[in-house]
């Protein structure tokens, strides 16, 4: 439990990931301790729904900050080096937001999969993806083995 408190203090954003029993929600440790027979039960689905929604809300709030940052007028900066630095920072921020835009799409798809009852199961094999993998990557749609096969094919065939 001390690791949980330390992680939460170190990064407040992790506080959502470490829910306490007071709210009636599962902790990650409780989630992982559940028997395999209870895979993707209502409590687990609610845990991932909450986690995905919190991630989505965080990404959407970041988008507003990007707009404000990009409003900074680089034409009034007299030094060309400073102007170039600001423009490079803007380009980096736009690339980051583009990645986040793609992640938002995956999050929405994952939330839809929860509603349809397909969440947590591999698209290719139908086997469980696994709680550990879903905790690390809540938008995963492939089991670890299926993902490794896909990456191997991509590496071999450049597809």
N, C-alpha and C. Protein backbone atom coordinates (compact mmCIF):
# COMPACT_ATOMS: atom_id res chain seq x y z
N UNK A 1 0.82 -1.19 0.00
CA UNK A 1 0.00 0.00 0.00
C UNK A 1 0.87 1.26 0.00
N UNK A 2 2.09 1.16 0.58
CA UNK A 2 2.97 2.32 0.59
C UNK A 2 3.37 2.71 -0.82
N UNK A 3 3.55 1.73 -1.69
CA UNK A 3 3.90 2.04 -3.08
C UNK A 3 2.77 2.80 -3.76
N UNK A 4 1.55 2.44 -3.41
CA UNK A 4 0.39 3.13 -3.98
C UNK A 4 0.39 4.58 -3.53
N UNK A 5 0.59 4.83 -2.23
CA UNK A 5 0.61 6.20 -1.72
C UNK A 5 1.75 6.99 -2.33
N UNK A 6 2.93 6.36 -2.45
CA UNK A 6 4.08 7.04 -3.03
C UNK A 6 3.82 7.40 -4.48
N UNK A 7 3.28 6.47 -5.26
CA UNK A 7 3.00 6.72 -6.68
C UNK A 7 1.96 7.82 -6.83
N UNK A 8 0.96 7.83 -5.97
CA UNK A 8 -0.09 8.83 -6.06
C UNK A 8 0.44 10.21 -5.70
N UNK A 9 1.31 10.28 -4.68
CA UNK A 9 1.90 11.56 -4.31
C UNK A 9 2.84 12.06 -5.39
N UNK A 10 3.59 11.15 -5.99
CA UNK A 10 4.57 11.54 -7.01
C UNK A 10 3.89 12.09 -8.26
N UNK A 11 2.77 11.52 -8.63
CA UNK A 11 2.07 11.97 -9.83
C UNK A 11 0.57 11.97 -9.55
N UNK A 12 -0.02 13.13 -9.33
CA UNK A 12 -1.45 13.19 -9.02
C UNK A 12 -2.33 12.56 -10.08
N UNK A 13 -1.87 12.54 -11.34
CA UNK A 13 -2.68 11.93 -12.40
C UNK A 13 -2.86 10.43 -12.17
N UNK A 14 -1.91 9.81 -11.43
CA UNK A 14 -2.03 8.39 -11.14
C UNK A 14 -3.08 8.12 -10.07
N UNK A 15 -3.55 9.16 -9.41
CA UNK A 15 -4.53 8.97 -8.35
C UNK A 15 -5.76 8.24 -8.86
N UNK A 16 -6.19 8.53 -10.10
CA UNK A 16 -7.36 7.86 -10.66
C UNK A 16 -7.10 6.38 -10.87
N UNK A 17 -5.86 6.01 -11.14
CA UNK A 17 -5.54 4.61 -11.37
C UNK A 17 -5.54 3.80 -10.09
N UNK A 18 -5.42 4.46 -8.95
CA UNK A 18 -5.33 3.77 -7.66
C UNK A 18 -6.55 4.08 -6.81
N UNK A 19 -7.71 3.72 -7.27
CA UNK A 19 -8.95 3.97 -6.53
C UNK A 19 -8.94 3.16 -5.23
N UNK A 20 -9.55 3.71 -4.23
CA UNK A 20 -9.65 3.01 -2.95
C UNK A 20 -11.01 2.32 -2.87
N UNK A 21 -11.10 1.43 -1.93
CA UNK A 21 -12.35 0.71 -1.76
C UNK A 21 -13.48 1.61 -1.26
N UNK A 22 -13.13 2.76 -0.70
CA UNK A 22 -14.16 3.66 -0.16
C UNK A 22 -15.16 4.03 -1.24
N UNK A 23 -14.69 4.20 -2.48
CA UNK A 23 -15.58 4.54 -3.58
C UNK A 23 -16.24 3.31 -4.17
N UNK A 24 -15.90 2.13 -3.67
CA UNK A 24 -16.50 0.91 -4.18
C UNK A 24 -15.87 0.43 -5.47
N UNK A 25 -14.80 1.06 -5.89
CA UNK A 25 -14.16 0.65 -7.13
C UNK A 25 -12.95 -0.21 -6.82
N UNK A 26 -12.59 -1.03 -7.78
CA UNK A 26 -11.45 -1.92 -7.63
C UNK A 26 -10.13 -1.15 -7.71
N UNK A 27 -9.14 -1.65 -7.00
CA UNK A 27 -7.78 -1.18 -7.20
C UNK A 27 -7.15 -2.09 -8.25
N UNK A 28 -6.02 -1.68 -8.78
CA UNK A 28 -5.35 -2.52 -9.77
C UNK A 28 -4.95 -3.85 -9.16
N UNK A 29 -4.49 -3.83 -7.90
CA UNK A 29 -4.10 -5.07 -7.23
C UNK A 29 -5.29 -6.01 -7.07
N UNK A 30 -6.44 -5.46 -6.69
CA UNK A 30 -7.65 -6.29 -6.55
C UNK A 30 -8.08 -6.84 -7.91
N UNK A 31 -7.94 -6.02 -8.92
CA UNK A 31 -8.30 -6.44 -10.27
C UNK A 31 -7.45 -7.65 -10.69
N UNK A 32 -6.15 -7.54 -10.48
CA UNK A 32 -5.24 -8.62 -10.87
C UNK A 32 -5.41 -9.87 -10.01
N UNK A 33 -5.90 -9.70 -8.78
CA UNK A 33 -6.08 -10.83 -7.88
C UNK A 33 -7.35 -11.63 -8.18
N UNK A 34 -8.22 -11.11 -9.02
CA UNK A 34 -9.47 -11.81 -9.32
C UNK A 34 -9.19 -13.09 -10.09
N UNK A 35 -9.99 -14.13 -9.85
CA UNK A 35 -9.79 -15.39 -10.57
C UNK A 35 -10.08 -15.25 -12.07
N UNK A 36 -9.42 -16.08 -12.86
CA UNK A 36 -9.61 -16.05 -14.31
C UNK A 36 -11.06 -16.29 -14.72
N UNK A 37 -11.78 -17.04 -13.91
CA UNK A 37 -13.18 -17.35 -14.21
C UNK A 37 -14.05 -16.10 -14.21
N UNK A 38 -13.58 -15.03 -13.55
CA UNK A 38 -14.36 -13.80 -13.47
C UNK A 38 -13.87 -12.76 -14.48
N UNK A 39 -13.16 -13.18 -15.51
CA UNK A 39 -12.60 -12.27 -16.50
C UNK A 39 -13.70 -11.45 -17.17
N UNK A 40 -13.52 -10.16 -17.19
CA UNK A 40 -14.41 -9.16 -17.78
C UNK A 40 -15.83 -9.22 -17.18
N UNK A 41 -15.86 -9.35 -15.84
CA UNK A 41 -17.15 -9.24 -15.15
C UNK A 41 -17.52 -7.76 -15.07
N UNK A 42 -18.65 -7.46 -14.47
CA UNK A 42 -19.15 -6.08 -14.42
C UNK A 42 -18.19 -5.12 -13.72
N UNK A 43 -17.58 -5.59 -12.62
CA UNK A 43 -16.65 -4.72 -11.88
C UNK A 43 -15.41 -4.41 -12.73
N UNK A 44 -14.90 -5.40 -13.43
CA UNK A 44 -13.72 -5.18 -14.28
C UNK A 44 -14.06 -4.24 -15.44
N UNK A 45 -15.20 -4.46 -16.04
CA UNK A 45 -15.62 -3.58 -17.14
C UNK A 45 -15.79 -2.14 -16.66
N UNK A 46 -16.37 -1.98 -15.48
CA UNK A 46 -16.54 -0.63 -14.93
C UNK A 46 -15.18 0.01 -14.62
N UNK A 47 -14.23 -0.79 -14.12
CA UNK A 47 -12.88 -0.30 -13.85
C UNK A 47 -12.26 0.26 -15.14
N UNK A 48 -12.34 -0.51 -16.23
CA UNK A 48 -11.74 -0.07 -17.49
C UNK A 48 -12.53 1.07 -18.13
N UNK A 49 -13.84 1.07 -17.97
CA UNK A 49 -14.65 2.19 -18.48
C UNK A 49 -14.21 3.49 -17.80
N UNK A 50 -14.05 3.45 -16.49
CA UNK A 50 -13.63 4.62 -15.72
C UNK A 50 -12.23 5.05 -16.14
N UNK A 51 -11.33 4.09 -16.29
CA UNK A 51 -9.96 4.39 -16.68
C UNK A 51 -9.90 5.02 -18.07
N UNK A 52 -10.64 4.46 -19.01
CA UNK A 52 -10.67 5.00 -20.37
C UNK A 52 -11.31 6.38 -20.41
N UNK A 53 -12.37 6.57 -19.66
CA UNK A 53 -13.04 7.88 -19.64
C UNK A 53 -12.14 8.95 -19.03
N UNK A 54 -11.40 8.60 -17.98
CA UNK A 54 -10.47 9.55 -17.36
C UNK A 54 -9.36 9.92 -18.34
N UNK A 55 -8.86 8.94 -19.07
CA UNK A 55 -7.83 9.19 -20.07
C UNK A 55 -8.36 10.09 -21.18
N UNK A 56 -9.59 9.83 -21.60
CA UNK A 56 -10.22 10.63 -22.65
C UNK A 56 -10.40 12.08 -22.18
N UNK A 57 -10.88 12.26 -20.96
CA UNK A 57 -11.08 13.60 -20.41
C UNK A 57 -9.77 14.36 -20.32
N UNK A 58 -8.71 13.66 -19.91
CA UNK A 58 -7.39 14.28 -19.79
C UNK A 58 -6.88 14.74 -21.15
N UNK A 59 -7.05 13.90 -22.17
CA UNK A 59 -6.60 14.26 -23.51
C UNK A 59 -7.38 15.44 -24.07
N UNK A 60 -8.66 15.46 -23.80
CA UNK A 60 -9.49 16.57 -24.29
C UNK A 60 -9.12 17.89 -23.61
N UNK A 61 -8.77 17.83 -22.35
CA UNK A 61 -8.36 19.06 -21.67
C UNK A 61 -7.02 19.56 -22.20
N UNK A 62 -6.15 18.64 -22.60
CA UNK A 62 -4.86 19.03 -23.19
C UNK A 62 -5.05 19.73 -24.53
N UNK A 63 -6.07 19.37 -25.26
CA UNK A 63 -6.31 19.96 -26.58
C UNK A 63 -6.57 21.45 -26.47
N UNK A 64 -7.30 21.87 -25.45
CA UNK A 64 -7.56 23.29 -25.25
C UNK A 64 -6.30 24.06 -24.94
N UNK A 65 -5.40 23.45 -24.21
CA UNK A 65 -4.13 24.09 -23.89
C UNK A 65 -3.29 24.29 -25.15
N UNK A 66 -3.34 23.35 -26.08
CA UNK A 66 -2.60 23.46 -27.33
C UNK A 66 -3.05 24.67 -28.11
N UNK A 67 -4.34 24.89 -28.18
CA UNK A 67 -4.87 26.04 -28.91
C UNK A 67 -4.30 27.33 -28.35
N UNK A 68 -4.27 27.43 -27.03
CA UNK A 68 -3.72 28.65 -26.41
C UNK A 68 -2.24 28.80 -26.71
N UNK A 69 -1.50 27.71 -26.67
CA UNK A 69 -0.06 27.77 -26.94
C UNK A 69 0.23 28.17 -28.38
N UNK A 70 -0.60 27.73 -29.30
CA UNK A 70 -0.35 28.02 -30.71
C UNK A 70 -0.74 29.45 -31.08
N UNK A 71 -1.46 30.10 -30.23
CA UNK A 71 -1.84 31.50 -30.49
C UNK A 71 -0.67 32.46 -30.30
N UNK A 72 0.38 31.95 -29.70
CA UNK A 72 1.58 32.77 -29.49
C UNK A 72 2.11 33.23 -30.84
N UNK A 73 2.23 34.53 -31.01
CA UNK A 73 2.63 35.12 -32.30
C UNK A 73 4.15 35.12 -32.43
N UNK A 74 4.66 34.33 -33.36
CA UNK A 74 6.11 34.24 -33.56
C UNK A 74 6.66 35.39 -34.38
N UNK A 75 5.80 36.14 -35.06
CA UNK A 75 6.28 37.23 -35.91
C UNK A 75 6.80 38.41 -35.09
N UNK A 76 6.40 38.51 -33.82
CA UNK A 76 6.86 39.63 -33.01
C UNK A 76 8.19 39.35 -32.32
N UNK A 77 8.69 38.12 -32.42
CA UNK A 77 9.98 37.76 -31.83
C UNK A 77 11.06 38.20 -32.81
N UNK A 78 11.92 39.15 -32.40
CA UNK A 78 12.89 39.70 -33.35
C UNK A 78 14.04 38.75 -33.69
N UNK A 79 14.43 37.91 -32.75
CA UNK A 79 15.57 37.03 -33.00
C UNK A 79 15.14 35.81 -33.81
N UNK A 80 15.76 35.58 -34.99
CA UNK A 80 15.38 34.42 -35.82
C UNK A 80 15.57 33.08 -35.11
N UNK A 81 16.58 32.99 -34.25
CA UNK A 81 16.80 31.73 -33.52
C UNK A 81 15.68 31.46 -32.54
N UNK A 82 15.24 32.51 -31.85
CA UNK A 82 14.12 32.36 -30.91
C UNK A 82 12.84 32.00 -31.65
N UNK A 83 12.63 32.63 -32.78
CA UNK A 83 11.45 32.35 -33.59
C UNK A 83 11.46 30.89 -34.06
N UNK A 84 12.63 30.42 -34.50
CA UNK A 84 12.75 29.04 -34.96
C UNK A 84 12.48 28.06 -33.81
N UNK A 85 12.96 28.39 -32.63
CA UNK A 85 12.72 27.54 -31.47
C UNK A 85 11.23 27.44 -31.17
N UNK A 86 10.55 28.58 -31.19
CA UNK A 86 9.11 28.60 -30.92
C UNK A 86 8.36 27.80 -31.98
N UNK A 87 8.74 27.97 -33.24
CA UNK A 87 8.08 27.23 -34.32
C UNK A 87 8.33 25.73 -34.19
N UNK A 88 9.52 25.34 -33.77
CA UNK A 88 9.82 23.91 -33.57
C UNK A 88 8.99 23.36 -32.41
N UNK A 89 8.84 24.13 -31.36
CA UNK A 89 8.00 23.71 -30.23
C UNK A 89 6.56 23.54 -30.67
N UNK A 90 6.08 24.44 -31.52
CA UNK A 90 4.71 24.33 -32.04
C UNK A 90 4.56 23.06 -32.88
N UNK A 91 5.56 22.79 -33.71
CA UNK A 91 5.49 21.59 -34.55
C UNK A 91 5.48 20.33 -33.69
N UNK A 92 6.30 20.31 -32.65
CA UNK A 92 6.33 19.17 -31.74
C UNK A 92 4.99 19.01 -31.03
N UNK A 93 4.41 20.11 -30.61
CA UNK A 93 3.12 20.05 -29.94
C UNK A 93 2.02 19.55 -30.88
N UNK A 94 2.07 19.98 -32.13
CA UNK A 94 1.08 19.50 -33.11
C UNK A 94 1.23 18.01 -33.36
N UNK A 95 2.46 17.51 -33.43
CA UNK A 95 2.66 16.07 -33.61
C UNK A 95 2.12 15.30 -32.42
N UNK A 96 2.38 15.84 -31.23
CA UNK A 96 1.88 15.19 -30.02
C UNK A 96 0.36 15.15 -30.03
N UNK A 97 -0.28 16.25 -30.38
CA UNK A 97 -1.75 16.30 -30.41
C UNK A 97 -2.31 15.37 -31.48
N UNK A 98 -1.59 15.21 -32.59
CA UNK A 98 -2.04 14.29 -33.62
C UNK A 98 -2.04 12.86 -33.08
N UNK A 99 -1.00 12.51 -32.33
CA UNK A 99 -0.96 11.19 -31.69
C UNK A 99 -2.11 11.04 -30.72
N UNK A 100 -2.37 12.10 -29.95
CA UNK A 100 -3.46 12.05 -28.98
C UNK A 100 -4.82 11.95 -29.67
N UNK A 101 -4.94 12.60 -30.83
CA UNK A 101 -6.19 12.50 -31.60
C UNK A 101 -6.44 11.05 -32.00
N UNK A 102 -5.38 10.38 -32.45
CA UNK A 102 -5.51 8.97 -32.82
C UNK A 102 -5.84 8.12 -31.60
N UNK A 103 -5.23 8.45 -30.45
CA UNK A 103 -5.52 7.72 -29.22
C UNK A 103 -6.97 7.94 -28.79
N UNK A 104 -7.49 9.15 -28.96
CA UNK A 104 -8.90 9.42 -28.63
C UNK A 104 -9.83 8.52 -29.43
N UNK A 105 -9.50 8.32 -30.70
CA UNK A 105 -10.31 7.44 -31.54
C UNK A 105 -10.28 6.02 -30.99
N UNK A 106 -9.10 5.55 -30.59
CA UNK A 106 -8.98 4.20 -30.03
C UNK A 106 -9.74 4.09 -28.71
N UNK A 107 -9.68 5.15 -27.91
CA UNK A 107 -10.41 5.14 -26.64
C UNK A 107 -11.90 5.04 -26.89
N UNK A 108 -12.41 5.81 -27.84
CA UNK A 108 -13.84 5.75 -28.17
C UNK A 108 -14.23 4.36 -28.66
N UNK A 109 -13.38 3.75 -29.46
CA UNK A 109 -13.64 2.39 -29.94
C UNK A 109 -13.64 1.41 -28.77
N UNK A 110 -12.72 1.59 -27.83
CA UNK A 110 -12.66 0.70 -26.67
C UNK A 110 -13.90 0.85 -25.80
N UNK A 111 -14.36 2.10 -25.61
CA UNK A 111 -15.59 2.31 -24.84
C UNK A 111 -16.78 1.65 -25.53
N UNK A 112 -16.81 1.71 -26.86
CA UNK A 112 -17.89 1.06 -27.61
C UNK A 112 -17.79 -0.46 -27.47
N UNK A 113 -16.56 -0.98 -27.43
CA UNK A 113 -16.37 -2.43 -27.23
C UNK A 113 -16.85 -2.87 -25.85
N UNK A 114 -16.67 -2.00 -24.86
CA UNK A 114 -17.18 -2.33 -23.52
C UNK A 114 -18.70 -2.45 -23.57
N UNK A 115 -19.35 -1.51 -24.23
CA UNK A 115 -20.81 -1.52 -24.33
C UNK A 115 -21.32 -2.73 -25.10
N UNK A 116 -20.56 -3.16 -26.11
CA UNK A 116 -21.01 -4.29 -26.93
C UNK A 116 -20.61 -5.65 -26.34
N UNK A 117 -19.79 -5.63 -25.28
CA UNK A 117 -19.38 -6.88 -24.66
C UNK A 117 -18.17 -7.53 -25.31
N UNK A 118 -17.50 -6.82 -26.20
CA UNK A 118 -16.33 -7.38 -26.88
C UNK A 118 -15.02 -6.98 -26.23
N UNK A 119 -15.06 -6.07 -25.28
CA UNK A 119 -13.82 -5.55 -24.67
C UNK A 119 -13.10 -6.65 -23.90
N UNK A 120 -11.78 -6.67 -24.06
CA UNK A 120 -10.95 -7.63 -23.33
C UNK A 120 -10.69 -8.91 -24.08
N UNK A 121 -11.24 -9.03 -25.28
CA UNK A 121 -11.05 -10.24 -26.07
C UNK A 121 -10.38 -9.89 -27.40
N UNK A 122 -9.47 -10.74 -27.82
CA UNK A 122 -8.67 -10.52 -29.01
C UNK A 122 -9.53 -10.51 -30.27
N UNK A 123 -9.29 -9.52 -31.14
CA UNK A 123 -10.02 -9.42 -32.40
C UNK A 123 -9.74 -10.60 -33.32
N UNK A 124 -8.53 -11.14 -33.28
CA UNK A 124 -8.16 -12.22 -34.19
C UNK A 124 -8.53 -13.60 -33.68
N UNK A 125 -8.27 -13.84 -32.39
CA UNK A 125 -8.45 -15.19 -31.86
C UNK A 125 -9.68 -15.36 -30.98
N UNK A 126 -10.20 -14.27 -30.44
CA UNK A 126 -11.33 -14.36 -29.53
C UNK A 126 -10.92 -14.74 -28.11
N UNK A 127 -9.64 -14.96 -27.90
CA UNK A 127 -9.12 -15.31 -26.58
C UNK A 127 -9.02 -14.06 -25.71
N UNK A 128 -9.01 -14.23 -24.38
CA UNK A 128 -8.84 -13.07 -23.50
C UNK A 128 -7.50 -12.38 -23.74
N UNK A 129 -7.49 -11.06 -23.75
CA UNK A 129 -6.27 -10.28 -23.94
C UNK A 129 -5.41 -10.35 -22.68
N UNK A 130 -6.05 -10.34 -21.53
CA UNK A 130 -5.33 -10.40 -20.26
C UNK A 130 -5.38 -9.07 -19.53
N UNK A 131 -5.57 -9.15 -18.22
CA UNK A 131 -5.71 -7.94 -17.42
C UNK A 131 -4.43 -7.12 -17.38
N UNK A 132 -3.28 -7.80 -17.30
CA UNK A 132 -2.01 -7.09 -17.26
C UNK A 132 -1.79 -6.25 -18.50
N UNK A 133 -2.07 -6.83 -19.65
CA UNK A 133 -1.91 -6.10 -20.91
C UNK A 133 -2.91 -4.94 -20.99
N UNK A 134 -4.14 -5.16 -20.55
CA UNK A 134 -5.15 -4.10 -20.60
C UNK A 134 -4.83 -2.97 -19.62
N UNK A 135 -4.22 -3.30 -18.49
CA UNK A 135 -3.80 -2.25 -17.57
C UNK A 135 -2.70 -1.40 -18.19
N UNK A 136 -1.79 -2.04 -18.89
CA UNK A 136 -0.69 -1.32 -19.53
C UNK A 136 -1.17 -0.54 -20.75
N UNK A 137 -2.10 -1.13 -21.49
CA UNK A 137 -2.60 -0.51 -22.71
C UNK A 137 -4.10 -0.78 -22.80
N UNK A 138 -4.91 0.09 -22.20
CA UNK A 138 -6.36 -0.17 -22.14
C UNK A 138 -7.06 -0.19 -23.49
N UNK A 139 -6.40 0.29 -24.54
CA UNK A 139 -7.01 0.29 -25.87
C UNK A 139 -6.61 -0.93 -26.70
N UNK A 140 -5.92 -1.88 -26.10
CA UNK A 140 -5.46 -3.06 -26.83
C UNK A 140 -6.64 -3.86 -27.38
N UNK A 141 -6.50 -4.32 -28.63
CA UNK A 141 -7.54 -5.14 -29.25
C UNK A 141 -7.01 -6.53 -29.61
N UNK A 142 -5.71 -6.74 -29.41
CA UNK A 142 -5.10 -8.02 -29.73
C UNK A 142 -4.41 -8.58 -28.50
N UNK A 143 -4.41 -9.90 -28.38
CA UNK A 143 -3.64 -10.53 -27.32
C UNK A 143 -2.16 -10.32 -27.61
N UNK A 144 -1.34 -10.56 -26.63
CA UNK A 144 0.10 -10.36 -26.81
C UNK A 144 0.64 -11.23 -27.94
N UNK A 145 0.19 -12.47 -28.01
CA UNK A 145 0.67 -13.38 -29.05
C UNK A 145 0.23 -12.91 -30.44
N UNK A 146 -1.01 -12.48 -30.57
CA UNK A 146 -1.51 -12.00 -31.86
C UNK A 146 -0.79 -10.72 -32.27
N UNK A 147 -0.51 -9.86 -31.32
CA UNK A 147 0.23 -8.63 -31.63
C UNK A 147 1.65 -8.95 -32.07
N UNK A 148 2.28 -9.92 -31.42
CA UNK A 148 3.64 -10.31 -31.82
C UNK A 148 3.64 -10.90 -33.22
N UNK A 149 2.63 -11.71 -33.55
CA UNK A 149 2.54 -12.26 -34.91
C UNK A 149 2.37 -11.14 -35.94
N UNK A 150 1.51 -10.18 -35.62
CA UNK A 150 1.27 -9.06 -36.54
C UNK A 150 2.56 -8.25 -36.75
N UNK A 151 3.28 -7.99 -35.66
CA UNK A 151 4.52 -7.23 -35.78
C UNK A 151 5.58 -7.99 -36.56
N UNK A 152 5.60 -9.30 -36.39
CA UNK A 152 6.56 -10.13 -37.13
C UNK A 152 6.23 -10.08 -38.63
N UNK A 153 4.96 -10.18 -38.97
CA UNK A 153 4.57 -10.08 -40.38
C UNK A 153 4.93 -8.73 -40.97
N UNK A 154 4.69 -7.67 -40.19
CA UNK A 154 5.02 -6.32 -40.65
C UNK A 154 6.53 -6.18 -40.87
N UNK A 155 7.28 -6.78 -39.99
CA UNK A 155 8.74 -6.71 -40.09
C UNK A 155 9.23 -7.48 -41.33
N UNK A 156 8.62 -8.65 -41.56
CA UNK A 156 9.04 -9.50 -42.69
C UNK A 156 8.58 -8.96 -44.03
N UNK A 157 7.35 -8.48 -44.09
CA UNK A 157 6.76 -8.09 -45.37
C UNK A 157 6.62 -6.59 -45.54
N UNK A 158 6.97 -5.82 -44.51
CA UNK A 158 6.85 -4.37 -44.60
C UNK A 158 5.43 -3.90 -44.81
N UNK A 159 4.50 -4.66 -44.32
CA UNK A 159 3.07 -4.38 -44.54
C UNK A 159 2.51 -3.54 -43.46
